Amino acid sequence: MTDMESFREAVTAWAAGGPGEPARELAARLPVRAAVLLEGPSDVAAVSALAASRGRNLAAEGVCVLPMGGAMSVGRFARLLGPPGLGLRLTGLCDEAERRFYARGLERASAAEQAFFVCASDLEDELIRALGVTRVEELVRAEGDLRALQTFLRQPAQRGRTSQQQLRRFLGTKKGRKIRYGRVLVEALDPIRVPAPLDGLLTSL
């Protein structure tokens, strides 16, 4: 386990009600300068894949990429890591539907001025639009999931949805699939087609 992974685990334990001293000690020793707050591990996979494609090692740069376990946790993590806590620079991604919730949580943590990048629906939707439905279907086939996709598309609930909406739903139908495709979709991107929220996040770090 790397030092940054240890810090991430210490922060997660702290947010769950554990002691804060392990996270404080690691933050000072590494040192950590910024935290990227993301809803879950699929977002982490996408951000990490884009950083790697650009030759960057965020952990070595003092940046902790942190899955919060859902948008409802942003206020708690902002209090621990932002001005009231460790004083780190905060950034991350959020969905348009949750923008106001993020704004409230950051304001309560005295971190309202710190920049978060907004996805129209979610990051998967941004990636599917950037790649196009045909290319995403090719990637699904290459990953060995074509039969699963075809079965999914025959479900009555998928009638009336656009192909993009169907693919987005498909990625969330099996545990671990969103995480895997978070990496796969980013690695398939043309460098000039990176979705603006994801590109803005990496560029800001």
Foldseek 3Di string as FASTA:
>chain_A
DDLLVQLQVLLLVVLVPDDNVVNLVSCVVQPAAEEAEDAALLLVLLLVLLCVVVVHDQVNVRYRYYHNNGPLSLLSSCLCCPDVHVNHQYEYEDEPVCVVVNCVSCVVSVNNVGYYFYDPGDQLLLLCVLQDLVRVQVLCVVVVNNVVLVVQCPDPVNPPPDSSVSVVVSQPPDPPSSNVVSNVSSVPGDPVSRRPRSVVVVVVD
